[in-house]
Amino acid sequence: MESSSVEELAAHFNEKLSNLNTVCELRHIVNDPHCKKHVSTIERELQSLEITMALLKQEISKQKEQLKSVEEVKKKFHRLIKDVNYTTNNIPARLPNNNLQNNNNESDKTAQKVKPLSKPGNIKTENNKEVKRTERKHCPSIEYLTVDEFEEVPKYMKGRVTYNQVNSLVDELNKTFIAKYKILHMKKSTMNDISRKRFENYKIQENKDTEGVYFVVEVDIKDFSSVKMDAITRSILTTLRHCGRIREVRGGKLTRYAIIESY
């Protein structure tokens, strides 16, 4: 043994002597029935403790495996939260309207159920109240682009235009179509001078290629929306043509932007 001082060396040997004294005191235990009984009891308890320790080790190993599984679930959960947060923060301001055609079909079915009147004028309800006859004029809408459609548009074509900018212009174009065809379906007797002038211009713009086609021109877009016909707007119009939402009908020094109806 290595000791740095005589005191440490003395303490070491004193401990050894103390242990020897204890052993000497216990050397006659084997022949003492009372002590043998206690030793047997202690031995049984030690065996029981060994079994308990073995079971605890098994349980600890099992808990470690479960902890690994919990950690994997935790990682997946965090990834799911990240994906949900990304999706929530990147939901487009406008979503494609897949129910548009279904709504039109329902309206057509409803219209077929109405019995035609023999004479124009007012009709009476079941409550014998007179209401004015109204005729629904169908003006289709340009459907929004989906994110996938927008992503597939070549970069050179859309430039720096964003997805929301494209669908914002779709909103403005739909407003323009509604405003134009509202005038076209008005009775001339209800038109003011401005509406009558526009009605006449609309009729002049029509030709054999526009029969059954819903279209607007640049003047209409300027009149009924806040859109400026700049480079960005023209880039978006090109994108809409590429994605099959509109097409151009040229003729008579006019460029007509016509809706491509989806069926």
Protein backbone atom coordinates (compact mmCIF):
# COMPACT_ATOMS: atom_id res chain seq x y z
CA MET A 1 0.00 0.00 0.00
CA GLU A 2 1.20 3.52 -0.75
CA SER A 3 0.83 6.05 2.07
CA SER A 4 1.88 9.66 2.12
CA SER A 5 2.32 9.69 5.90
CA VAL A 6 2.80 7.45 8.93
CA GLU A 7 -0.70 8.41 10.14
CA GLU A 8 -2.34 7.03 6.96
CA LEU A 9 -0.32 3.82 7.23
CA ALA A 10 -1.40 3.42 10.89
CA ALA A 11 -5.05 4.00 9.98
CA HIS A 12 -4.85 1.35 7.27
CA PHE A 13 -3.46 -1.31 9.62
CA ASN A 14 -5.95 -0.36 12.34
CA GLU A 15 -8.79 -1.03 9.87
CA LYS A 16 -7.29 -4.41 9.00
CA LEU A 17 -6.97 -5.30 12.70
CA SER A 18 -10.59 -4.28 13.31
CA ASN A 19 -11.76 -6.57 10.52
CA LEU A 20 -9.70 -9.45 11.95
CA ASN A 21 -11.24 -8.89 15.38
CA THR A 22 -14.72 -9.07 13.86
CA VAL A 23 -13.86 -12.31 12.05
CA CYS A 24 -12.51 -13.79 15.26
CA GLU A 25 -15.72 -12.91 17.08
CA LEU A 26 -17.78 -14.61 14.37
CA ARG A 27 -15.65 -17.78 14.01
CA HIS A 28 -17.85 -19.73 16.40
CA ILE A 29 -21.15 -18.79 14.66
CA VAL A 30 -21.29 -22.08 12.81
CA ASN A 31 -21.70 -23.92 16.09
CA ASP A 32 -24.34 -21.52 17.48
CA PRO A 33 -27.90 -22.71 16.54
CA HIS A 34 -29.39 -19.26 17.23
CA CYS A 35 -26.92 -17.55 14.93
CA LYS A 36 -27.35 -20.24 12.27
CA LYS A 37 -31.07 -19.45 12.22
CA HIS A 38 -30.37 -15.74 11.62
CA VAL A 39 -27.81 -16.55 8.94
CA SER A 40 -30.35 -18.73 7.11
CA THR A 41 -32.93 -15.95 7.31
CA ILE A 42 -30.43 -13.44 5.95
CA GLU A 43 -29.50 -15.86 3.15
CA ARG A 44 -33.14 -16.26 2.12
CA GLU A 45 -33.64 -12.50 2.14
CA LEU A 46 -30.53 -12.06 0.02
CA GLN A 47 -31.85 -14.61 -2.49
CA SER A 48 -35.19 -12.79 -2.55
CA LEU A 49 -33.40 -9.49 -3.09
CA GLU A 50 -31.38 -11.02 -5.95
CA ILE A 51 -34.60 -12.17 -7.63
CA THR A 52 -36.16 -8.73 -7.11
CA MET A 53 -33.05 -7.05 -8.53
CA ALA A 54 -33.18 -9.33 -11.59
CA LEU A 55 -36.85 -8.42 -12.15
CA LEU A 56 -36.03 -4.73 -11.73
CA LYS A 57 -33.26 -5.03 -14.32
CA GLN A 58 -35.72 -6.65 -16.76
CA GLU A 59 -38.26 -3.90 -16.14
CA ILE A 60 -35.61 -1.22 -16.63
CA SER A 61 -34.61 -2.80 -19.96
CA LYS A 62 -38.28 -2.92 -20.99
CA GLN A 63 -38.77 0.73 -19.99
CA LYS A 64 -35.69 1.71 -22.01
CA GLU A 65 -37.17 0.09 -25.12
CA GLN A 66 -40.50 1.83 -24.51
CA LEU A 67 -38.67 5.12 -24.04
CA LYS A 68 -37.03 4.67 -27.45
CA SER A 69 -40.47 4.11 -29.00
CA VAL A 70 -41.84 7.19 -27.24
CA GLU A 71 -38.91 9.25 -28.56
CA GLU A 72 -39.68 8.08 -32.12
CA VAL A 73 -43.34 9.02 -31.69
CA LYS A 74 -42.27 12.39 -30.29
CA LYS A 75 -40.08 13.05 -33.35
CA LYS A 76 -42.93 12.09 -35.70
CA PHE A 77 -45.32 14.31 -33.74
CA HIS A 78 -42.96 17.28 -34.00
CA ARG A 79 -42.61 16.70 -37.75
CA LEU A 80 -46.40 16.56 -38.04
CA ILE A 81 -46.76 19.83 -36.11
CA LYS A 82 -44.16 21.41 -38.41
CA ASP A 83 -46.04 20.22 -41.51
CA VAL A 84 -49.39 21.42 -40.14
CA ASN A 85 -47.94 24.84 -39.28
CA TYR A 86 -46.41 25.13 -42.75
CA THR A 87 -49.71 24.15 -44.38
CA THR A 88 -51.66 26.56 -42.18
CA ASN A 89 -49.32 29.43 -43.01
CA ASN A 90 -49.37 28.71 -46.74
CA ILE A 91 -53.04 28.11 -47.49
CA PRO A 92 -53.85 30.04 -50.70
CA ALA A 93 -56.10 33.04 -50.28
CA ARG A 94 -58.36 31.54 -52.96
CA LEU A 95 -59.16 27.92 -53.65
CA PRO A 96 -60.53 26.42 -56.89
CA ASN A 97 -64.30 26.17 -56.95
CA ASN A 98 -65.00 22.56 -57.85
CA ASN A 99 -68.72 22.92 -57.15
CA LEU A 100 -69.34 25.53 -59.83
CA GLN A 101 -70.52 23.08 -62.48
CA ASN A 102 -72.55 21.10 -59.96
CA ASN A 103 -74.34 24.27 -58.90
CA ASN A 104 -75.07 25.11 -62.53
CA ASN A 105 -76.50 21.62 -63.11
CA GLU A 106 -78.73 21.94 -60.03
CA SER A 107 -79.95 25.31 -61.27
CA ASP A 108 -80.70 23.83 -64.70
CA LYS A 109 -82.67 20.99 -63.07
CA THR A 110 -84.63 23.48 -61.02
CA ALA A 111 -85.36 25.55 -64.10
CA GLN A 112 -86.70 22.46 -65.91
CA LYS A 113 -89.22 21.88 -63.13
CA VAL A 114 -90.81 25.31 -63.63
CA LYS A 115 -93.84 25.18 -65.90
CA PRO A 116 -93.87 27.81 -68.67
CA LEU A 117 -96.62 30.41 -68.53
CA SER A 118 -98.94 30.94 -71.45
CA LYS A 119 -98.68 34.72 -71.11
CA PRO A 120 -95.84 36.94 -70.00
CA GLY A 121 -96.34 39.08 -66.96
CA ASN A 122 -96.71 38.40 -63.30
CA ILE A 123 -97.06 34.98 -61.68
CA LYS A 124 -98.83 34.09 -58.46
CA THR A 125 -97.38 32.13 -55.59
CA GLU A 126 -99.28 29.66 -53.42
CA ASN A 127 -100.06 32.54 -51.09
CA ASN A 128 -101.67 34.41 -54.02
CA LYS A 129 -98.96 37.07 -53.89
CA GLU A 130 -97.89 38.51 -57.21
CA VAL A 131 -94.18 38.51 -57.94
CA LYS A 132 -92.39 39.68 -61.04
CA ARG A 133 -91.06 37.09 -63.42
CA THR A 134 -87.29 36.89 -63.43
CA GLU A 135 -85.12 35.06 -65.86
CA ARG A 136 -81.70 33.82 -64.75
CA LYS A 137 -78.95 34.78 -67.16
CA HIS A 138 -76.01 32.43 -66.98
CA CYS A 139 -72.53 33.98 -67.13
CA PRO A 140 -69.80 31.43 -66.42
CA SER A 141 -66.88 32.26 -64.17
CA ILE A 142 -63.17 31.74 -64.66
CA GLU A 143 -62.05 29.09 -62.20
CA TYR A 144 -59.09 29.71 -59.92
CA LEU A 145 -55.75 28.10 -60.68
CA THR A 146 -54.60 25.33 -58.37
CA VAL A 147 -51.15 25.50 -56.81
CA ASP A 148 -50.02 22.54 -58.93
CA GLU A 149 -51.17 24.24 -62.13
CA PHE A 150 -49.34 27.42 -61.19
CA GLU A 151 -46.14 25.54 -60.35
CA GLU A 152 -46.20 23.84 -63.77
CA VAL A 153 -46.26 27.17 -65.64
CA PRO A 154 -42.80 27.81 -67.14
CA LYS A 155 -40.75 30.39 -65.25
CA TYR A 156 -40.13 32.48 -68.36
CA MET A 157 -43.89 32.80 -68.84
CA LYS A 158 -44.99 33.82 -65.34
CA GLY A 159 -41.85 35.73 -64.36
CA ARG A 160 -42.11 37.04 -60.80
CA VAL A 161 -45.89 36.78 -60.68
CA THR A 162 -47.17 35.08 -57.52
CA TYR A 163 -49.97 32.56 -57.15
CA ASN A 164 -52.17 35.03 -55.27
CA GLN A 165 -51.66 37.69 -57.96
CA VAL A 166 -52.97 35.29 -60.59
CA ASN A 167 -56.13 34.46 -58.68
CA SER A 168 -56.63 38.13 -57.73
CA LEU A 169 -56.81 38.92 -61.44
CA VAL A 170 -59.26 36.03 -61.86
CA ASP A 171 -61.50 37.80 -59.34
CA GLU A 172 -61.26 41.08 -61.24
CA LEU A 173 -61.96 39.41 -64.58
CA ASN A 174 -65.02 37.67 -63.18
CA LYS A 175 -66.29 41.02 -61.88
CA THR A 176 -65.79 42.46 -65.36
CA PHE A 177 -67.69 39.62 -67.05
CA ILE A 178 -70.58 39.95 -64.61
CA ALA A 179 -70.80 43.71 -65.13
CA LYS A 180 -70.69 43.43 -68.92
CA TYR A 181 -73.28 40.68 -69.27
CA LYS A 182 -75.54 42.33 -66.75
CA ILE A 183 -75.78 45.24 -69.19
CA LEU A 184 -76.31 42.90 -72.14
CA HIS A 185 -79.26 41.32 -70.34
CA MET A 186 -80.86 44.60 -69.34
CA LYS A 187 -84.00 45.88 -70.97
CA LYS A 188 -83.22 48.88 -73.15
CA SER A 189 -85.97 50.83 -71.45
CA THR A 190 -84.09 50.57 -68.14
CA MET A 191 -80.71 51.63 -69.54
CA ASN A 192 -79.16 55.03 -68.94
CA ASP A 193 -77.02 56.74 -71.58
CA ILE A 194 -73.78 55.14 -70.40
CA SER A 195 -75.25 51.63 -70.34
CA ARG A 196 -76.85 52.13 -73.75
CA LYS A 197 -73.53 53.29 -75.22
CA ARG A 198 -71.73 50.28 -73.77
CA PHE A 199 -74.46 47.94 -75.01
CA GLU A 200 -73.97 49.24 -78.55
CA ASN A 201 -70.18 48.83 -78.30
CA TYR A 202 -70.57 45.27 -77.06
CA LYS A 203 -72.69 44.39 -80.06
CA ILE A 204 -70.18 46.00 -82.44
CA GLN A 205 -67.38 43.88 -80.91
CA GLU A 206 -69.19 40.64 -81.72
CA ASN A 207 -68.41 38.67 -84.88
CA LYS A 208 -68.87 35.18 -86.25
CA ASP A 209 -66.08 33.86 -83.99
CA THR A 210 -67.73 35.13 -80.80
CA GLU A 211 -71.07 33.41 -81.25
CA GLY A 212 -71.88 31.65 -77.98
CA VAL A 213 -68.65 32.94 -76.45
CA TYR A 214 -68.35 35.09 -73.33
CA PHE A 215 -65.59 37.65 -73.77
CA VAL A 216 -64.33 41.03 -72.61
CA VAL A 217 -61.82 43.48 -74.03
CA GLU A 218 -59.24 45.76 -72.39
CA VAL A 219 -61.68 48.67 -72.18
CA ASP A 220 -64.11 46.52 -70.19
CA ILE A 221 -61.36 45.54 -67.74
CA LYS A 222 -60.48 49.20 -67.24
CA ASP A 223 -64.15 50.20 -66.84
CA PHE A 224 -65.21 47.55 -64.34
CA SER A 225 -62.09 46.73 -62.33
CA SER A 226 -59.07 48.33 -60.71
CA VAL A 227 -56.67 46.39 -62.92
CA LYS A 228 -54.01 48.23 -64.91
CA MET A 229 -53.06 46.67 -68.20
CA ASP A 230 -49.34 46.64 -67.47
CA ALA A 231 -46.63 44.02 -68.00
CA ILE A 232 -47.64 42.06 -64.90
CA THR A 233 -51.29 41.88 -65.96
CA ARG A 234 -50.34 40.73 -69.45
CA SER A 235 -48.05 38.10 -67.95
CA ILE A 236 -50.94 36.82 -65.83
CA LEU A 237 -53.25 36.75 -68.86
CA THR A 238 -50.62 34.68 -70.66
CA THR A 239 -50.53 32.32 -67.67
CA LEU A 240 -54.33 31.98 -67.71
CA ARG A 241 -54.24 31.18 -71.43
CA HIS A 242 -51.53 28.60 -70.84
CA CYS A 243 -53.64 26.94 -68.11
CA GLY A 244 -56.76 26.82 -70.27
CA ARG A 245 -58.83 29.39 -68.39
CA ILE A 246 -59.17 31.93 -71.21
CA ARG A 247 -58.37 32.25 -74.89
CA GLU A 248 -57.92 35.14 -77.27
CA VAL A 249 -60.31 35.94 -80.10
CA ARG A 250 -58.76 38.47 -82.44
CA GLY A 251 -60.30 40.46 -85.24
CA GLY A 252 -61.24 44.02 -86.11
CA LYS A 253 -58.16 45.40 -84.30
CA LEU A 254 -59.50 43.98 -81.03
CA THR A 255 -58.15 41.36 -78.67
CA ARG A 256 -61.02 39.63 -76.93
CA TYR A 257 -60.40 37.59 -73.78
CA ALA A 258 -62.91 34.73 -73.84
CA ILE A 259 -63.79 32.29 -71.07
CA ILE A 260 -63.04 28.62 -71.72
CA GLU A 261 -65.95 26.90 -70.02
CA SER A 262 -65.23 23.65 -68.16
CA TYR A 263 -67.71 20.80 -68.40
